[in-house]
PDB file of N, CA and C in Angstrom:
ATOM      1  N   MET A   1     -30.000 -18.345  35.026  1.00  0.00           N
ATOM      2  CA  MET A   1     -29.295 -18.383  33.750  1.00  0.00           C
ATOM      3  C   MET A   1     -28.275 -17.259  33.704  1.00  0.00           C
ATOM      4  N   PRO A   2     -27.026 -17.522  33.312  1.00  0.00           N
ATOM      5  CA  PRO A   2     -25.985 -16.492  33.360  1.00  0.00           C
ATOM      6  C   PRO A   2     -26.180 -15.385  32.318  1.00  0.00           C
ATOM      7  N   GLN A   3     -26.969 -15.618  31.285  1.00  0.00           N
ATOM      8  CA  GLN A   3     -27.157 -14.593  30.269  1.00  0.00           C
ATOM      9  C   GLN A   3     -27.947 -13.404  30.813  1.00  0.00           C
ATOM     10  N   LEU A   4     -28.730 -13.611  31.863  1.00  0.00           N
ATOM     11  CA  LEU A   4     -29.561 -12.535  32.399  1.00  0.00           C
ATOM     12  C   LEU A   4     -28.778 -11.613  33.330  1.00  0.00           C
ATOM     13  N   ASN A   5     -27.627 -12.032  33.794  1.00  0.00           N
ATOM     14  CA  ASN A   5     -26.813 -11.211  34.680  1.00  0.00           C
ATOM     15  C   ASN A   5     -25.598 -10.718  33.876  1.00  0.00           C
ATOM     16  N   PRO A   6     -25.625  -9.458  33.379  1.00  0.00           N
ATOM     17  CA  PRO A   6     -24.533  -8.988  32.521  1.00  0.00           C
ATOM     18  C   PRO A   6     -23.282  -8.572  33.281  1.00  0.00           C
ATOM     19  N   GLY A   7     -23.324  -8.548  34.595  1.00  0.00           N
ATOM     20  CA  GLY A   7     -22.206  -8.062  35.397  1.00  0.00           C
ATOM     21  C   GLY A   7     -20.881  -8.747  35.114  1.00  0.00           C
ATOM     22  N   PRO A   8     -20.745 -10.049  35.382  1.00  0.00           N
ATOM     23  CA  PRO A   8     -19.435 -10.673  35.166  1.00  0.00           C
ATOM     24  C   PRO A   8     -19.080 -10.803  33.686  1.00  0.00           C
ATOM     25  N   TRP A   9     -20.064 -10.987  32.821  1.00  0.00           N
ATOM     26  CA  TRP A   9     -19.767 -11.149  31.398  1.00  0.00           C
ATOM     27  C   TRP A   9     -19.305  -9.833  30.794  1.00  0.00           C
ATOM     28  N   PHE A  10     -19.901  -8.737  31.247  1.00  0.00           N
ATOM     29  CA  PHE A  10     -19.472  -7.437  30.732  1.00  0.00           C
ATOM     30  C   PHE A  10     -18.050  -7.122  31.187  1.00  0.00           C
ATOM     31  N   ALA A  11     -17.723  -7.459  32.410  1.00  0.00           N
ATOM     32  CA  ALA A  11     -16.363  -7.225  32.914  1.00  0.00           C
ATOM     33  C   ALA A  11     -15.356  -8.079  32.149  1.00  0.00           C
ATOM     34  N   ILE A  12     -15.714  -9.322  31.854  1.00  0.00           N
ATOM     35  CA  ILE A  12     -14.817 -10.183  31.080  1.00  0.00           C
ATOM     36  C   ILE A  12     -14.624  -9.609  29.685  1.00  0.00           C
ATOM     37  N   LEU A  13     -15.702  -9.121  29.093  1.00  0.00           N
ATOM     38  CA  LEU A  13     -15.610  -8.508  27.765  1.00  0.00           C
ATOM     39  C   LEU A  13     -14.705  -7.286  27.781  1.00  0.00           C
ATOM     40  N   VAL A  14     -14.876  -6.419  28.754  1.00  0.00           N
ATOM     41  CA  VAL A  14     -14.066  -5.199  28.838  1.00  0.00           C
ATOM     42  C   VAL A  14     -12.601  -5.526  29.082  1.00  0.00           C
ATOM     43  N   PHE A  15     -12.314  -6.429  30.000  1.00  0.00           N
ATOM     44  CA  PHE A  15     -10.922  -6.770  30.298  1.00  0.00           C
ATOM     45  C   PHE A  15     -10.251  -7.495  29.142  1.00  0.00           C
ATOM     46  N   SER A  16     -11.008  -8.318  28.435  1.00  0.00           N
ATOM     47  CA  SER A  16     -10.402  -8.994  27.285  1.00  0.00           C
ATOM     48  C   SER A  16     -10.086  -8.001  26.174  1.00  0.00           C
ATOM     49  N   TRP A  17     -10.969  -7.015  25.961  1.00  0.00           N
ATOM     50  CA  TRP A  17     -10.678  -5.999  24.947  1.00  0.00           C
ATOM     51  C   TRP A  17      -9.505  -5.121  25.376  1.00  0.00           C
ATOM     52  N   LEU A  18      -9.419  -4.777  26.633  1.00  0.00           N
ATOM     53  CA  LEU A  18      -8.272  -3.993  27.097  1.00  0.00           C
ATOM     54  C   LEU A  18      -6.974  -4.766  26.917  1.00  0.00           C
ATOM     55  N   LEU A  19      -7.003  -6.032  27.205  1.00  0.00           N
ATOM     56  CA  LEU A  19      -5.815  -6.860  26.995  1.00  0.00           C
ATOM     57  C   LEU A  19      -5.485  -6.931  25.500  1.00  0.00           C
ATOM     58  N   PHE A  20      -6.493  -7.121  24.698  1.00  0.00           N
ATOM     59  CA  PHE A  20      -6.301  -7.193  23.250  1.00  0.00           C
ATOM     60  C   PHE A  20      -5.705  -5.896  22.710  1.00  0.00           C
ATOM     61  N   LEU A  21      -6.234  -4.760  23.151  1.00  0.00           N
ATOM     62  CA  LEU A  21      -5.757  -3.471  22.654  1.00  0.00           C
ATOM     63  C   LEU A  21      -4.405  -3.072  23.242  1.00  0.00           C
ATOM     64  N   ALA A  22      -4.008  -3.659  24.341  1.00  0.00           N
ATOM     65  CA  ALA A  22      -2.725  -3.316  24.952  1.00  0.00           C
ATOM     66  C   ALA A  22      -1.594  -4.214  24.465  1.00  0.00           C
ATOM     67  N   VAL A  23      -1.866  -5.486  24.206  1.00  0.00           N
ATOM     68  CA  VAL A  23      -0.805  -6.441  23.892  1.00  0.00           C
ATOM     69  C   VAL A  23      -0.601  -6.597  22.394  1.00  0.00           C
ATOM     70  N   ILE A  24      -1.650  -6.755  21.660  1.00  0.00           N
ATOM     71  CA  ILE A  24      -1.534  -7.080  20.231  1.00  0.00           C
ATOM     72  C   ILE A  24      -0.847  -5.961  19.430  1.00  0.00           C
ATOM     73  N   PRO A  25      -1.210  -4.675  19.586  1.00  0.00           N
ATOM     74  CA  PRO A  25      -0.509  -3.656  18.795  1.00  0.00           C
ATOM     75  C   PRO A  25       0.986  -3.586  19.080  1.00  0.00           C
ATOM     76  N   THR A  26       1.392  -3.804  20.321  1.00  0.00           N
ATOM     77  CA  THR A  26       2.828  -3.755  20.612  1.00  0.00           C
ATOM     78  C   THR A  26       3.551  -4.925  19.964  1.00  0.00           C
ATOM     79  N   LYS A  27       2.910  -6.082  19.916  1.00  0.00           N
ATOM     80  CA  LYS A  27       3.543  -7.231  19.261  1.00  0.00           C
ATOM     81  C   LYS A  27       3.641  -7.008  17.753  1.00  0.00           C
ATOM     82  N   ILE A  28       2.626  -6.400  17.163  1.00  0.00           N
ATOM     83  CA  ILE A  28       2.641  -6.154  15.719  1.00  0.00           C
ATOM     84  C   ILE A  28       3.659  -5.076  15.369  1.00  0.00           C
ATOM     85  N   LEU A  29       3.724  -4.015  16.171  1.00  0.00           N
ATOM     86  CA  LEU A  29       4.631  -2.915  15.871  1.00  0.00           C
ATOM     87  C   LEU A  29       6.093  -3.273  16.100  1.00  0.00           C
ATOM     88  N   ASN A  30       6.381  -4.336  16.830  1.00  0.00           N
ATOM     89  CA  ASN A  30       7.761  -4.744  17.066  1.00  0.00           C
ATOM     90  C   ASN A  30       8.372  -5.497  15.892  1.00  0.00           C
ATOM     91  N   HIS A  31       7.553  -5.909  14.947  1.00  0.00           N
ATOM     92  CA  HIS A  31       8.079  -6.613  13.784  1.00  0.00           C
ATOM     93  C   HIS A  31       8.833  -5.638  12.881  1.00  0.00           C
ATOM     94  N   ILE A  32       9.888  -6.128  12.259  1.00  0.00           N
ATOM     95  CA  ILE A  32      10.703  -5.309  11.370  1.00  0.00           C
ATOM     96  C   ILE A  32      10.335  -5.658   9.933  1.00  0.00           C
ATOM     97  N   SER A  33      10.082  -4.640   9.159  1.00  0.00           N
ATOM     98  CA  SER A  33       9.732  -4.854   7.754  1.00  0.00           C
ATOM     99  C   SER A  33      10.992  -5.187   6.966  1.00  0.00           C
ATOM    100  N   PRO A  34      10.993  -6.256   6.156  1.00  0.00           N
ATOM    101  CA  PRO A  34      12.202  -6.601   5.405  1.00  0.00           C
ATOM    102  C   PRO A  34      12.486  -5.634   4.253  1.00  0.00           C
ATOM    103  N   ASN A  35      11.474  -4.955   3.759  1.00  0.00           N
ATOM    104  CA  ASN A  35      11.659  -4.024   2.641  1.00  0.00           C
ATOM    105  C   ASN A  35      11.443  -2.603   3.139  1.00  0.00           C
ATOM    106  N   LYS A  36      12.529  -1.892   3.310  1.00  0.00           N
ATOM    107  CA  LYS A  36      12.427  -0.505   3.739  1.00  0.00           C
ATOM    108  C   LYS A  36      11.949   0.349   2.565  1.00  0.00           C
ATOM    109  N   PRO A  37      11.064   1.301   2.815  1.00  0.00           N
ATOM    110  CA  PRO A  37      10.600   2.148   1.712  1.00  0.00           C
ATOM    111  C   PRO A  37      11.716   3.078   1.240  1.00  0.00           C
ATOM    112  N   THR A  38      11.850   3.210  -0.054  1.00  0.00           N
ATOM    113  CA  THR A  38      12.865   4.093  -0.614  1.00  0.00           C
ATOM    114  C   THR A  38      12.267   5.471  -0.826  1.00  0.00           C
ATOM    115  N   PRO A  39      13.031   6.513  -0.582  1.00  0.00           N
ATOM    116  CA  PRO A  39      12.493   7.863  -0.793  1.00  0.00           C
ATOM    117  C   PRO A  39      12.288   8.129  -2.283  1.00  0.00           C
ATOM    118  N   THR A  40      11.193   8.753  -2.592  1.00  0.00           N
ATOM    119  CA  THR A  40      10.910   9.068  -3.987  1.00  0.00           C
ATOM    120  C   THR A  40      11.524  10.415  -4.340  1.00  0.00           C
ATOM    121  N   SER A  41      11.872  10.563  -5.583  1.00  0.00           N
ATOM    122  CA  SER A  41      12.468  11.818  -6.015  1.00  0.00           C
ATOM    123  C   SER A  41      11.377  12.873  -6.180  1.00  0.00           C
ATOM    124  N   ALA A  42      11.776  14.131  -6.071  1.00  0.00           N
ATOM    125  CA  ALA A  42      10.811  15.229  -6.136  1.00  0.00           C
ATOM    126  C   ALA A  42      10.418  15.551  -7.577  1.00  0.00           C
ATOM    127  N   GLU A  43      11.236  15.145  -8.536  1.00  0.00           N
ATOM    128  CA  GLU A  43      10.914  15.488  -9.923  1.00  0.00           C
ATOM    129  C   GLU A  43       9.773  14.629 -10.440  1.00  0.00           C
ATOM    130  N   LYS A  44       8.936  15.250 -11.262  1.00  0.00           N
ATOM    131  CA  LYS A  44       7.807  14.520 -11.817  1.00  0.00           C
ATOM    132  C   LYS A  44       8.211  13.942 -13.155  1.00  0.00           C
ATOM    133  N   HIS A  45       7.638  12.791 -13.457  1.00  0.00           N
ATOM    134  CA  HIS A  45       7.918  12.174 -14.739  1.00  0.00           C
ATOM    135  C   HIS A  45       7.207  12.943 -15.835  1.00  0.00           C
ATOM    136  N   LYS A  46       7.908  13.124 -16.949  1.00  0.00           N
ATOM    137  CA  LYS A  46       7.315  13.847 -18.054  1.00  0.00           C
ATOM    138  C   LYS A  46       6.485  12.866 -18.881  1.00  0.00           C
ATOM    139  N   THR A  47       5.217  13.148 -18.996  1.00  0.00           N
ATOM    140  CA  THR A  47       4.335  12.299 -19.778  1.00  0.00           C
ATOM    141  C   THR A  47       3.845  13.065 -20.995  1.00  0.00           C
ATOM    142  N   GLY A  48       3.798  12.385 -22.094  1.00  0.00           N
ATOM    143  CA  GLY A  48       3.322  13.011 -23.320  1.00  0.00           C
ATOM    144  C   GLY A  48       1.935  12.517 -23.663  1.00  0.00           C
ATOM    145  N   PRO A  49       1.340  13.120 -24.674  1.00  0.00           N
ATOM    146  CA  PRO A  49       0.006  12.666 -25.067  1.00  0.00           C
ATOM    147  C   PRO A  49       0.081  11.281 -25.714  1.00  0.00           C
ATOM    148  N   TRP A  50      -0.996  10.558 -25.615  1.00  0.00           N
ATOM    149  CA  TRP A  50      -1.068   9.223 -26.194  1.00  0.00           C
ATOM    150  C   TRP A  50      -1.672   9.321 -27.579  1.00  0.00           C
ATOM    151  N   TYR A  51      -0.967   8.792 -28.545  1.00  0.00           N
ATOM    152  CA  TYR A  51      -1.461   8.805 -29.930  1.00  0.00           C
ATOM    153  C   TYR A  51      -2.040   7.440 -30.261  1.00  0.00           C
ATOM    154  N   TRP A  52      -3.297   7.413 -30.585  1.00  0.00           N
ATOM    155  CA  TRP A  52      -3.962   6.167 -30.915  1.00  0.00           C
ATOM    156  C   TRP A  52      -3.589   5.749 -32.330  1.00  0.00           C
ATOM    157  N   PRO A  53      -3.440   4.445 -32.583  1.00  0.00           N
ATOM    158  CA  PRO A  53      -2.945   3.999 -33.897  1.00  0.00           C
ATOM    159  C   PRO A  53      -4.010   4.059 -34.997  1.00  0.00           C
ATOM    160  N   TRP A  54      -5.248   4.416 -34.753  1.00  0.00           N
ATOM    161  CA  TRP A  54      -6.206   4.483 -35.834  1.00  0.00           C
ATOM    162  C   TRP A  54      -6.530   5.891 -36.235  1.00  0.00           C
TER     163      TRP A  54
END
């Protein structure tokens, strides 16, 4: 039974993960985001206290 011999299955598992970790991140990182992040201003918004109507 092949389940009792971990040799070839472990090698297939390791090589598939190495392929996954080498190819997939490069394909994902090559995509260009359509919405570039805009820089935020350094000034903080002035917030006042909230007055409840009751």
